């Protein structure tokens, strides 16, 4: 059951997409290095949680999508300012 209040999108194979992503998944999706991914988390730009005794980082898929949307909006805003 998904307690996030939202819905999860089906994957390409019909299974439900995971709610939380590994940092490796974030790196692959954004095509960035491990150092860059952890920097986004440490700066607070990309909200994440630590789980388990070893403090493994996980990023909620919706948070990653929100981060991407914010980045697109920032680029649009910057482009509009330079056009003016």
Foldseek 3Di string as FASTA:
>chain_A
DDPPPDAFDADPVRHTDDQKDALVVLCVVVVHDSVVSVVCPVVVLQPWFFDDPVRGIIGGPVSSVVSVVVVVVVVVVVVVVVVD
